[in-house]
C-alpha atoms as a PDB file:
ATOM      1  CA  MET A   1     -12.106  36.354 -64.482  1.00  0.00           C
ATOM      2  CA  SER A   2     -10.587  39.012 -62.262  1.00  0.00           C
ATOM      3  CA  SER A   3      -7.672  41.367 -62.730  1.00  0.00           C
ATOM      4  CA  PHE A   4      -5.953  42.782 -59.640  1.00  0.00           C
ATOM      5  CA  LEU A   5      -3.149  45.208 -58.973  1.00  0.00           C
ATOM      6  CA  ILE A   6      -0.645  44.484 -56.202  1.00  0.00           C
ATOM      7  CA  THR A   7       1.848  46.975 -54.851  1.00  0.00           C
ATOM      8  CA  PHE A   8       4.901  46.027 -52.806  1.00  0.00           C
ATOM      9  CA  ASN A   9       8.114  47.669 -51.701  1.00  0.00           C
ATOM     10  CA  ILE A  10      11.674  46.836 -52.785  1.00  0.00           C
ATOM     11  CA  LYS A  11      14.390  47.343 -50.175  1.00  0.00           C
ATOM     12  CA  ALA A  12      18.143  47.199 -50.436  1.00  0.00           C
ATOM     13  CA  GLN A  13      19.762  44.031 -49.137  1.00  0.00           C
ATOM     14  CA  THR A  14      23.014  43.592 -47.290  1.00  0.00           C
ATOM     15  CA  LEU A  15      25.706  41.743 -49.215  1.00  0.00           C
ATOM     16  CA  PRO A  16      27.612  38.780 -47.746  1.00  0.00           C
ATOM     17  CA  SER A  17      30.837  39.456 -45.904  1.00  0.00           C
ATOM     18  CA  ILE A  18      34.085  40.002 -47.786  1.00  0.00           C
ATOM     19  CA  VAL A  19      36.059  36.748 -47.609  1.00  0.00           C
ATOM     20  CA  GLU A  20      38.945  38.015 -49.731  1.00  0.00           C
ATOM     21  CA  GLY A  21      39.919  41.625 -50.356  1.00  0.00           C
ATOM     22  CA  PHE A  22      43.594  40.837 -51.181  1.00  0.00           C
ATOM     23  CA  GLU A  23      44.631  43.442 -48.606  1.00  0.00           C
ATOM     24  CA  THR A  24      46.645  41.254 -46.208  1.00  0.00           C
ATOM     25  CA  LEU A  25      48.094  38.562 -48.479  1.00  0.00           C
ATOM     26  CA  PRO A  26      51.920  38.724 -48.746  1.00  0.00           C
ATOM     27  CA  PHE A  27      51.835  37.021 -52.166  1.00  0.00           C
ATOM     28  CA  TRP A  28      49.482  34.987 -54.358  1.00  0.00           C
ATOM     29  CA  PRO A  29      48.395  32.393 -53.584  1.00  0.00           C
ATOM     30  CA  SER A  30      48.672  32.536 -49.786  1.00  0.00           C
ATOM     31  CA  ALA A  31      46.759  30.489 -47.220  1.00  0.00           C
ATOM     32  CA  PRO A  32      43.916  29.732 -47.065  1.00  0.00           C
ATOM     33  CA  TRP A  33      44.136  29.685 -50.881  1.00  0.00           C
ATOM     34  CA  VAL A  34      45.719  26.607 -52.468  1.00  0.00           C
ATOM     35  CA  ASN A  35      47.236  26.582 -55.939  1.00  0.00           C
ATOM     36  CA  ALA A  36      45.616  24.008 -58.263  1.00  0.00           C
ATOM     37  CA  VAL A  37      47.062  25.114 -61.622  1.00  0.00           C
ATOM     38  CA  ALA A  38      50.161  27.297 -61.832  1.00  0.00           C
ATOM     39  CA  GLY A  39      50.089  30.777 -63.331  1.00  0.00           C
ATOM     40  CA  THR A  40      51.380  34.304 -62.912  1.00  0.00           C
ATOM     41  CA  SER A  41      48.691  36.098 -60.882  1.00  0.00           C
ATOM     42  CA  THR A  42      49.985  38.953 -58.693  1.00  0.00           C
ATOM     43  CA  ILE A  43      48.705  41.334 -56.041  1.00  0.00           C
ATOM     44  CA  VAL A  44      48.452  44.855 -57.519  1.00  0.00           C
ATOM     45  CA  THR A  45      47.570  48.359 -56.339  1.00  0.00           C
ATOM     46  CA  THR A  46      45.839  49.473 -59.544  1.00  0.00           C
ATOM     47  CA  PRO A  47      43.165  49.091 -60.700  1.00  0.00           C
ATOM     48  CA  VAL A  48      41.452  48.547 -57.346  1.00  0.00           C
ATOM     49  CA  TYR A  49      37.734  48.550 -56.598  1.00  0.00           C
ATOM     50  CA  SER A  50      37.955  48.908 -52.804  1.00  0.00           C
ATOM     51  CA  GLY A  51      40.810  49.137 -50.341  1.00  0.00           C
ATOM     52  CA  THR A  52      44.337  49.401 -51.720  1.00  0.00           C
ATOM     53  CA  LYS A  53      44.936  46.021 -53.395  1.00  0.00           C
ATOM     54  CA  ALA A  54      43.399  43.673 -55.947  1.00  0.00           C
ATOM     55  CA  LEU A  55      44.450  40.548 -57.865  1.00  0.00           C
ATOM     56  CA  SER A  56      45.728  40.759 -61.430  1.00  0.00           C
ATOM     57  CA  CYS A  57      44.944  37.309 -62.840  1.00  0.00           C
ATOM     58  CA  GLY A  58      47.559  35.346 -64.770  1.00  0.00           C
ATOM     59  CA  GLY A  59      45.848  32.075 -65.660  1.00  0.00           C
ATOM     60  CA  ASP A  60      46.288  30.077 -62.450  1.00  0.00           C
ATOM     61  CA  TRP A  61      43.495  28.268 -60.619  1.00  0.00           C
ATOM     62  CA  ALA A  62      43.352  28.672 -56.817  1.00  0.00           C
ATOM     63  CA  TYR A  63      40.782  27.325 -54.375  1.00  0.00           C
ATOM     64  CA  ARG A  64      39.968  27.310 -50.672  1.00  0.00           C
ATOM     65  CA  THR A  65      37.850  24.918 -48.592  1.00  0.00           C
ATOM     66  CA  ASP A  66      37.972  26.629 -45.195  1.00  0.00           C
ATOM     67  CA  ILE A  67      34.616  28.180 -46.175  1.00  0.00           C
ATOM     68  CA  THR A  68      31.587  26.198 -47.312  1.00  0.00           C
ATOM     69  CA  VAL A  69      29.087  28.070 -49.478  1.00  0.00           C
ATOM     70  CA  GLY A  70      26.111  26.847 -51.464  1.00  0.00           C
ATOM     71  CA  ASN A  71      23.149  26.375 -49.170  1.00  0.00           C
ATOM     72  CA  ALA A  72      19.814  27.909 -50.172  1.00  0.00           C
ATOM     73  CA  GLY A  73      20.008  31.684 -49.731  1.00  0.00           C
ATOM     74  CA  ASP A  74      23.810  31.903 -49.930  1.00  0.00           C
ATOM     75  CA  LYS A  75      25.504  34.224 -52.405  1.00  0.00           C
ATOM     76  CA  ILE A  76      28.961  34.831 -53.814  1.00  0.00           C
ATOM     77  CA  SER A  77      30.069  37.931 -55.683  1.00  0.00           C
ATOM     78  CA  TRP A  78      33.126  39.880 -56.768  1.00  0.00           C
ATOM     79  CA  TRP A  79      34.188  42.856 -58.841  1.00  0.00           C
ATOM     80  CA  VAL A  80      36.007  42.433 -62.158  1.00  0.00           C
ATOM     81  CA  ASN A  81      37.837  44.904 -64.403  1.00  0.00           C
ATOM     82  CA  PHE A  82      39.226  43.994 -67.832  1.00  0.00           C
ATOM     83  CA  SER A  83      42.110  45.802 -69.549  1.00  0.00           C
ATOM     84  CA  GLY A  84      41.990  43.214 -72.350  1.00  0.00           C
ATOM     85  CA  ASN A  85      39.722  40.564 -73.842  1.00  0.00           C
ATOM     86  CA  GLY A  86      40.291  37.836 -71.276  1.00  0.00           C
ATOM     87  CA  ARG A  87      38.134  35.928 -68.811  1.00  0.00           C
ATOM     88  CA  ALA A  88      37.362  35.866 -65.075  1.00  0.00           C
ATOM     89  CA  TYR A  89      36.092  32.749 -63.274  1.00  0.00           C
ATOM     90  CA  LEU A  90      34.099  33.132 -60.031  1.00  0.00           C
ATOM     91  CA  GLY A  91      34.292  29.622 -58.603  1.00  0.00           C
ATOM     92  CA  PHE A  92      31.975  27.699 -56.265  1.00  0.00           C
ATOM     93  CA  GLY A  93      31.345  24.108 -55.191  1.00  0.00           C
ATOM     94  CA  ALA A  94      35.123  23.789 -55.174  1.00  0.00           C
ATOM     95  CA  SER A  95      37.397  21.054 -53.880  1.00  0.00           C
ATOM     96  CA  ALA A  96      40.845  19.752 -54.773  1.00  0.00           C
ATOM     97  CA  SER A  97      39.285  17.957 -57.758  1.00  0.00           C
ATOM     98  CA  GLY A  98      37.673  21.058 -59.307  1.00  0.00           C
ATOM     99  CA  GLY A  99      34.307  22.775 -59.117  1.00  0.00           C
ATOM    100  CA  TYR A 100      32.040  25.151 -61.035  1.00  0.00           C
ATOM    101  CA  SER A 101      32.332  28.794 -62.038  1.00  0.00           C
ATOM    102  CA  LEU A 102      30.505  31.850 -63.335  1.00  0.00           C
ATOM    103  CA  LEU A 103      32.467  33.501 -66.129  1.00  0.00           C
ATOM    104  CA  LEU A 104      32.738  36.996 -67.510  1.00  0.00           C
ATOM    105  CA  ALA A 105      34.228  36.383 -70.937  1.00  0.00           C
ATOM    106  CA  PRO A 106      35.050  39.372 -73.159  1.00  0.00           C
ATOM    107  CA  ASN A 107      37.125  37.071 -75.393  1.00  0.00           C
ATOM    108  CA  THR A 108      33.962  35.260 -76.526  1.00  0.00           C
ATOM    109  CA  THR A 109      31.460  38.065 -75.699  1.00  0.00           C
ATOM    110  CA  THR A 110      29.559  35.757 -73.336  1.00  0.00           C
ATOM    111  CA  PHE A 111      28.374  35.473 -69.748  1.00  0.00           C
ATOM    112  CA  LEU A 112      28.355  31.812 -68.801  1.00  0.00           C
ATOM    113  CA  ILE A 113      28.483  28.946 -66.313  1.00  0.00           C
ATOM    114  CA  GLN A 114      31.131  26.231 -66.507  1.00  0.00           C
ATOM    115  CA  GLN A 115      31.787  22.866 -64.934  1.00  0.00           C
ATOM    116  CA  ASN A 116      35.473  22.689 -64.019  1.00  0.00           C
ATOM    117  CA  THR A 117      36.032  19.019 -63.137  1.00  0.00           C
ATOM    118  CA  SER A 118      39.783  18.409 -62.683  1.00  0.00           C
ATOM    119  CA  TRP A 119      40.133  22.139 -63.426  1.00  0.00           C
ATOM    120  CA  GLY A 120      38.950  21.653 -66.986  1.00  0.00           C
ATOM    121  CA  TYR A 121      36.451  23.764 -68.900  1.00  0.00           C
ATOM    122  CA  LEU A 122      32.961  22.604 -69.878  1.00  0.00           C
ATOM    123  CA  ASP A 123      30.365  25.253 -70.768  1.00  0.00           C
ATOM    124  CA  VAL A 124      26.933  24.347 -69.384  1.00  0.00           C
ATOM    125  CA  SER A 125      24.943  27.568 -69.893  1.00  0.00           C
ATOM    126  CA  SER A 126      25.814  30.725 -71.828  1.00  0.00           C
ATOM    127  CA  VAL A 127      24.254  34.015 -72.936  1.00  0.00           C
ATOM    128  CA  PRO A 128      25.712  36.722 -75.230  1.00  0.00           C
ATOM    129  CA  GLN A 129      27.318  39.683 -73.466  1.00  0.00           C
ATOM    130  CA  SER A 130      29.631  42.476 -74.595  1.00  0.00           C
ATOM    131  CA  TYR A 131      31.973  44.236 -72.159  1.00  0.00           C
ATOM    132  CA  THR A 132      33.561  47.657 -71.845  1.00  0.00           C
ATOM    133  CA  LEU A 133      37.270  47.566 -71.051  1.00  0.00           C
ATOM    134  CA  ASN A 134      38.626  49.370 -67.976  1.00  0.00           C
ATOM    135  CA  GLN A 135      35.202  49.359 -66.341  1.00  0.00           C
ATOM    136  CA  TRP A 136      34.230  47.553 -63.126  1.00  0.00           C
ATOM    137  CA  TYR A 137      31.502  44.898 -63.230  1.00  0.00           C
ATOM    138  CA  ARG A 138      30.014  42.965 -60.318  1.00  0.00           C
ATOM    139  CA  ALA A 139      29.222  39.273 -60.850  1.00  0.00           C
ATOM    140  CA  GLU A 140      26.987  37.357 -58.458  1.00  0.00           C
ATOM    141  CA  VAL A 141      25.773  33.779 -57.943  1.00  0.00           C
ATOM    142  CA  VAL A 142      22.594  33.313 -55.888  1.00  0.00           C
ATOM    143  CA  PHE A 143      21.864  29.816 -54.580  1.00  0.00           C
ATOM    144  CA  ASN A 144      18.116  29.288 -54.899  1.00  0.00           C
ATOM    145  CA  THR A 145      18.718  25.751 -53.607  1.00  0.00           C
ATOM    146  CA  SER A 146      21.952  23.826 -53.131  1.00  0.00           C
ATOM    147  CA  SER A 147      21.806  22.742 -56.792  1.00  0.00           C
ATOM    148  CA  ASN A 148      19.879  25.571 -58.480  1.00  0.00           C
ATOM    149  CA  ILE A 149      21.438  28.991 -59.070  1.00  0.00           C
ATOM    150  CA  SER A 150      20.669  32.381 -60.572  1.00  0.00           C
ATOM    151  CA  CYS A 151      23.598  34.409 -61.885  1.00  0.00           C
ATOM    152  CA  PHE A 152      23.715  38.174 -62.379  1.00  0.00           C
ATOM    153  CA  LEU A 153      26.020  40.646 -64.063  1.00  0.00           C
ATOM    154  CA  TYR A 154      25.815  44.194 -62.720  1.00  0.00           C
ATOM    155  CA  GLY A 155      27.122  47.454 -64.125  1.00  0.00           C
ATOM    156  CA  PRO A 156      29.579  49.830 -62.427  1.00  0.00           C
ATOM    157  CA  ASN A 157      27.064  50.936 -59.766  1.00  0.00           C
ATOM    158  CA  GLY A 158      26.738  47.328 -58.580  1.00  0.00           C
ATOM    159  CA  THR A 159      22.925  47.372 -58.649  1.00  0.00           C
ATOM    160  CA  THR A 160      21.878  47.695 -62.303  1.00  0.00           C
ATOM    161  CA  VAL A 161      21.397  44.233 -63.810  1.00  0.00           C
ATOM    162  CA  VAL A 162      23.161  44.006 -67.177  1.00  0.00           C
ATOM    163  CA  ASN A 163      22.532  40.304 -67.824  1.00  0.00           C
ATOM    164  CA  SER A 164      21.420  37.160 -66.031  1.00  0.00           C
ATOM    165  CA  ILE A 165      21.106  33.369 -66.157  1.00  0.00           C
ATOM    166  CA  LEU A 166      18.086  32.479 -64.050  1.00  0.00           C
ATOM    167  CA  ASN A 167      17.056  29.314 -62.196  1.00  0.00           C
ATOM    168  CA  TYR A 168      19.719  27.046 -63.676  1.00  0.00           C
ATOM    169  CA  THR A 169      19.981  23.556 -62.175  1.00  0.00           C
ATOM    170  CA  VAL A 170      23.622  22.453 -62.011  1.00  0.00           C
ATOM    171  CA  ALA A 171      23.970  18.682 -62.179  1.00  0.00           C
ATOM    172  CA  GLY A 172      26.082  17.368 -59.296  1.00  0.00           C
ATOM    173  CA  LEU A 173      26.413  20.697 -57.479  1.00  0.00           C
ATOM    174  CA  THR A 174      26.614  20.549 -53.679  1.00  0.00           C
ATOM    175  CA  PRO A 175      27.865  23.126 -51.149  1.00  0.00           C
ATOM    176  CA  GLY A 176      31.640  23.456 -51.253  1.00  0.00           C
ATOM    177  CA  GLY A 177      34.585  25.780 -51.283  1.00  0.00           C
ATOM    178  CA  LEU A 178      35.508  28.768 -53.432  1.00  0.00           C
ATOM    179  CA  SER A 179      37.848  29.071 -56.400  1.00  0.00           C
ATOM    180  CA  LEU A 180      39.023  31.719 -58.842  1.00  0.00           C
ATOM    181  CA  ARG A 181      40.865  32.154 -62.095  1.00  0.00           C
ATOM    182  CA  GLY A 182      41.365  34.835 -64.722  1.00  0.00           C
ATOM    183  CA  PHE A 183      43.589  35.849 -67.599  1.00  0.00           C
ATOM    184  CA  GLY A 184      43.922  38.353 -70.419  1.00  0.00           C
ATOM    185  CA  GLY A 185      43.833  41.555 -68.391  1.00  0.00           C
ATOM    186  CA  ALA A 186      41.324  40.456 -65.721  1.00  0.00           C
ATOM    187  CA  THR A 187      41.679  42.132 -62.317  1.00  0.00           C
ATOM    188  CA  VAL A 188      39.395  40.995 -59.478  1.00  0.00           C
ATOM    189  CA  ASP A 189      38.569  42.483 -56.087  1.00  0.00           C
ATOM    190  CA  GLU A 190      36.217  42.264 -53.102  1.00  0.00           C
ATOM    191  CA  PHE A 191      35.277  38.562 -53.131  1.00  0.00           C
ATOM    192  CA  ARG A 192      32.167  38.107 -50.971  1.00  0.00           C
ATOM    193  CA  ALA A 193      30.544  34.823 -49.935  1.00  0.00           C
ATOM    194  CA  GLY A 194      27.970  33.397 -47.537  1.00  0.00           C
ATOM    195  CA  ALA A 195      24.515  34.293 -46.319  1.00  0.00           C
ATOM    196  CA  PRO A 196      23.701  37.979 -46.938  1.00  0.00           C
ATOM    197  CA  GLY A 197      22.979  39.848 -43.730  1.00  0.00           C
ATOM    198  CA  GLY A 198      19.459  41.206 -43.465  1.00  0.00           C
ATOM    199  CA  SER A 199      18.109  39.559 -46.580  1.00  0.00           C
ATOM    200  CA  GLY A 200      14.777  37.812 -46.681  1.00  0.00           C
ATOM    201  CA  GLY A 201      14.026  34.308 -47.831  1.00  0.00           C
ATOM    202  CA  GLY A 202      11.173  32.136 -48.940  1.00  0.00           C
ATOM    203  CA  LEU A 203       8.094  33.231 -50.817  1.00  0.00           C
ATOM    204  CA  ILE A 204       6.619  36.722 -50.890  1.00  0.00           C
ATOM    205  CA  LEU A 205       2.851  36.438 -51.098  1.00  0.00           C
ATOM    206  CA  PRO A 206       0.707  39.203 -52.601  1.00  0.00           C
ATOM    207  CA  PRO A 207      -1.887  40.931 -50.410  1.00  0.00           C
ATOM    208  CA  LEU A 208      -5.094  40.235 -52.337  1.00  0.00           C
ATOM    209  CA  ALA A 209      -8.476  38.637 -51.778  1.00  0.00           C
ATOM    210  CA  SER A 210      -8.029  34.855 -51.943  1.00  0.00           C
ATOM    211  CA  PHE A 211      -4.317  35.298 -51.175  1.00  0.00           C
ATOM    212  CA  PHE A 212      -2.396  35.094 -47.930  1.00  0.00           C
ATOM    213  CA  PRO A 213      -2.912  38.506 -46.262  1.00  0.00           C
ATOM    214  CA  SER A 214       0.106  40.652 -45.517  1.00  0.00           C
ATOM    215  CA  GLN A 215      -1.722  43.221 -43.421  1.00  0.00           C
ATOM    216  CA  PRO A 216      -2.843  42.804 -39.779  1.00  0.00           C
ATOM    217  CA  THR A 217      -6.457  43.854 -40.518  1.00  0.00           C
ATOM    218  CA  THR A 218      -8.616  44.201 -43.607  1.00  0.00           C
ATOM    219  CA  ASN A 219      -8.477  47.989 -43.194  1.00  0.00           C
ATOM    220  CA  SER A 220      -4.665  48.156 -43.135  1.00  0.00           C
ATOM    221  CA  VAL A 221      -2.613  49.114 -46.165  1.00  0.00           C
ATOM    222  CA  ALA A 222      -1.548  45.953 -48.001  1.00  0.00           C
ATOM    223  CA  LEU A 223       2.212  46.055 -48.472  1.00  0.00           C
ATOM    224  CA  ASP A 224       4.822  43.358 -49.020  1.00  0.00           C
ATOM    225  CA  THR A 225       8.573  43.782 -49.013  1.00  0.00           C
ATOM    226  CA  VAL A 226      11.078  41.896 -51.140  1.00  0.00           C
ATOM    227  CA  TRP A 227      14.814  42.459 -51.438  1.00  0.00           C
ATOM    228  CA  ILE A 228      16.467  44.252 -54.311  1.00  0.00           C
ATOM    229  CA  ASN A 229      18.319  42.102 -56.877  1.00  0.00           C
ATOM    230  CA  SER A 230      17.128  38.805 -55.400  1.00  0.00           C
ATOM    231  CA  PRO A 231      14.792  36.405 -57.214  1.00  0.00           C
ATOM    232  CA  PHE A 232      11.430  36.165 -55.442  1.00  0.00           C
ATOM    233  CA  ASP A 233       8.224  34.307 -56.158  1.00  0.00           C
ATOM    234  CA  LEU A 234       4.758  35.795 -56.141  1.00  0.00           C
ATOM    235  CA  VAL A 235       2.329  32.944 -55.514  1.00  0.00           C
ATOM    236  CA  SER A 236      -1.403  32.761 -56.162  1.00  0.00           C
ATOM    237  CA  THR A 237      -3.222  30.667 -53.538  1.00  0.00           C
ATOM    238  CA  SER A 238      -6.673  31.190 -55.041  1.00  0.00           C
ATOM    239  CA  THR A 239      -8.908  28.124 -55.227  1.00  0.00           C
ATOM    240  CA  ASN A 240     -10.861  26.920 -58.298  1.00  0.00           C
ATOM    241  CA  THR A 241      -8.515  28.808 -60.603  1.00  0.00           C
ATOM    242  CA  SER A 242      -7.676  27.224 -63.933  1.00  0.00           C
ATOM    243  CA  ARG A 243      -5.071  29.791 -65.015  1.00  0.00           C
ATOM    244  CA  CYS A 244      -3.218  32.846 -63.739  1.00  0.00           C
ATOM    245  CA  PHE A 245      -1.313  35.471 -65.739  1.00  0.00           C
ATOM    246  CA  TRP A 246       1.143  38.053 -64.399  1.00  0.00           C
ATOM    247  CA  ASP A 247       2.459  41.433 -65.502  1.00  0.00           C
ATOM    248  CA  LEU A 248       4.569  44.214 -63.999  1.00  0.00           C
ATOM    249  CA  GLN A 249       2.426  47.261 -64.562  1.00  0.00           C
ATOM    250  CA  GLY A 250       4.436  50.112 -66.051  1.00  0.00           C
ATOM    251  CA  GLU A 251       7.658  48.082 -66.446  1.00  0.00           C
ATOM    252  CA  SER A 252       8.296  48.759 -70.140  1.00  0.00           C
ATOM    253  CA  SER A 253      11.765  47.149 -70.297  1.00  0.00           C
ATOM    254  CA  LEU A 254      11.828  43.665 -68.804  1.00  0.00           C
ATOM    255  CA  LEU A 255      14.964  41.847 -67.679  1.00  0.00           C
ATOM    256  CA  PRO A 256      16.737  39.640 -70.251  1.00  0.00           C
ATOM    257  CA  GLY A 257      14.843  36.365 -70.709  1.00  0.00           C
ATOM    258  CA  TYR A 258      11.380  37.830 -70.092  1.00  0.00           C
ATOM    259  CA  SER A 259       8.831  38.886 -72.720  1.00  0.00           C
ATOM    260  CA  ARG A 260       5.128  39.698 -72.968  1.00  0.00           C
ATOM    261  CA  SER A 261       2.450  38.028 -75.090  1.00  0.00           C
ATOM    262  CA  ASN A 262      -1.267  38.401 -75.731  1.00  0.00           C
ATOM    263  CA  VAL A 263      -3.893  36.689 -73.596  1.00  0.00           C
ATOM    264  CA  ALA A 264      -7.507  35.918 -74.490  1.00  0.00           C
ATOM    265  CA  TRP A 265     -10.327  37.931 -72.879  1.00  0.00           C
ATOM    266  CA  THR A 266      -8.250  41.109 -72.575  1.00  0.00           C
ATOM    267  CA  SER A 267      -6.088  43.548 -74.532  1.00  0.00           C
ATOM    268  CA  GLN A 268      -3.538  43.529 -71.687  1.00  0.00           C
ATOM    269  CA  GLN A 269      -0.332  41.570 -72.377  1.00  0.00           C
ATOM    270  CA  TYR A 270       1.190  39.305 -69.736  1.00  0.00           C
ATOM    271  CA  ILE A 271       4.712  38.008 -69.076  1.00  0.00           C
ATOM    272  CA  ASP A 272       5.888  34.591 -70.332  1.00  0.00           C
ATOM    273  CA  THR A 273       2.410  33.062 -70.315  1.00  0.00           C
ATOM    274  CA  ALA A 274       3.699  29.613 -71.264  1.00  0.00           C
ATOM    275  CA  LYS A 275       6.071  29.559 -68.279  1.00  0.00           C
ATOM    276  CA  TYR A 276       4.254  31.238 -65.376  1.00  0.00           C
ATOM    277  CA  ASN A 277       0.885  30.255 -63.950  1.00  0.00           C
ATOM    278  CA  GLN A 278       0.265  30.010 -60.205  1.00  0.00           C
ATOM    279  CA  LYS A 279       3.763  31.317 -59.453  1.00  0.00           C
ATOM    280  CA  PHE A 280       5.714  34.200 -60.976  1.00  0.00           C
ATOM    281  CA  ARG A 281       9.461  34.669 -60.384  1.00  0.00           C
ATOM    282  CA  TYR A 282      11.299  37.924 -61.077  1.00  0.00           C
ATOM    283  CA  VAL A 283      14.341  39.860 -59.902  1.00  0.00           C
ATOM    284  CA  TYR A 284      13.330  43.348 -58.757  1.00  0.00           C
ATOM    285  CA  ASN A 285      16.341  45.491 -59.646  1.00  0.00           C
ATOM    286  CA  ARG A 286      15.492  48.875 -58.201  1.00  0.00           C
ATOM    287  CA  ARG A 287      14.143  50.289 -54.968  1.00  0.00           C
ATOM    288  CA  GLY A 288      10.611  51.607 -54.745  1.00  0.00           C
ATOM    289  CA  PHE A 289       7.051  50.392 -55.203  1.00  0.00           C
ATOM    290  CA  TRP A 290       6.200  47.903 -57.944  1.00  0.00           C
ATOM    291  CA  PRO A 291       2.586  47.424 -59.094  1.00  0.00           C
ATOM    292  CA  VAL A 292       1.910  43.844 -60.241  1.00  0.00           C
ATOM    293  CA  ARG A 293      -1.120  42.852 -62.311  1.00  0.00           C
ATOM    294  CA  LEU A 294      -2.666  39.408 -61.829  1.00  0.00           C
ATOM    295  CA  LEU A 295      -5.307  37.978 -64.163  1.00  0.00           C
ATOM    296  CA  ALA A 296      -7.046  34.904 -62.717  1.00  0.00           C
ATOM    297  CA  VAL A 297      -9.374  32.692 -64.771  1.00  0.00           C
ATOM    298  CA  ASN A 298     -11.896  30.271 -63.280  1.00  0.00           C
ATOM    299  CA  ASN A 299     -12.921  26.943 -64.809  1.00  0.00           C
ATOM    300  CA  PHE A 300     -16.600  27.740 -64.569  1.00  0.00           C
ATOM    301  CA  LYS A 301     -16.819  31.242 -65.934  1.00  0.00           C
ATOM    302  CA  ARG A 302     -14.493  34.072 -66.545  1.00  0.00           C
ATOM    303  CA  ASP A 303     -15.822  36.545 -64.002  1.00  0.00           C
ATOM    304  CA  SER A 304     -16.414  34.129 -61.118  1.00  0.00           C
ATOM    305  CA  LEU A 305     -13.216  34.921 -59.223  1.00  0.00           C
ATOM    306  CA  ARG A 306     -13.154  38.200 -57.306  1.00  0.00           C
END
């Protein structure tokens, strides 16, 4: 059995381009947006997150298919402000027949994913979440694959993760257009979509003995870089290993959905031991250096792996 410490760096990532800032639209909805369900949404000048205009949502569904989003690595995000206990729907996989959406829902104190076939409402995954009125939140959908997503709710600074739904497989989801809806005092702004500029992809592999090296020579400092607020995998490639356990050294408050438990042979606790073995997935939500502890156990004896 061996226990290692890894250290890697977290860098800021560039967000996707703004595809709708509501700055140039003469009225709502205007091309390329198409009205699917009528409502009373209007372009407003307050509250506004960026620029001079935003959309005050009045219950209508609108969609656009001039943009296709949903390939692995793509993201969509927007900013939402509530003056009342309504809802805001950040839509993806959209077509004329409906789509899917990530919801901020003060009216039910939830953060959730819906299937919106024929512009209906079917909850498919939900977590509890309370909201502060008249405060901006950023919501984001990350496409891990074309049918698997991770969803994040950020606080007013846009980088602090407030809640998340991780690695959710959406039945029937394929790349498609964008859609939006809101009501009950929801104002939305700065809709971004596409591949984030400058972000990394694929697996980040720790620089340890029996792992893929990340340094040019054995005497170089071992350092990996992953991107802030994106889910990344650390992968053990050690041979003859029966079990691996992972922990984020010094990270006292884990993200929602993660917890520590005891492991035999050591007093050190490790994260979600029933879920993670050779691979550990986490969203690193702040810049800086993160030490990661790996405990590897060999079939033959506990101290045989170095």
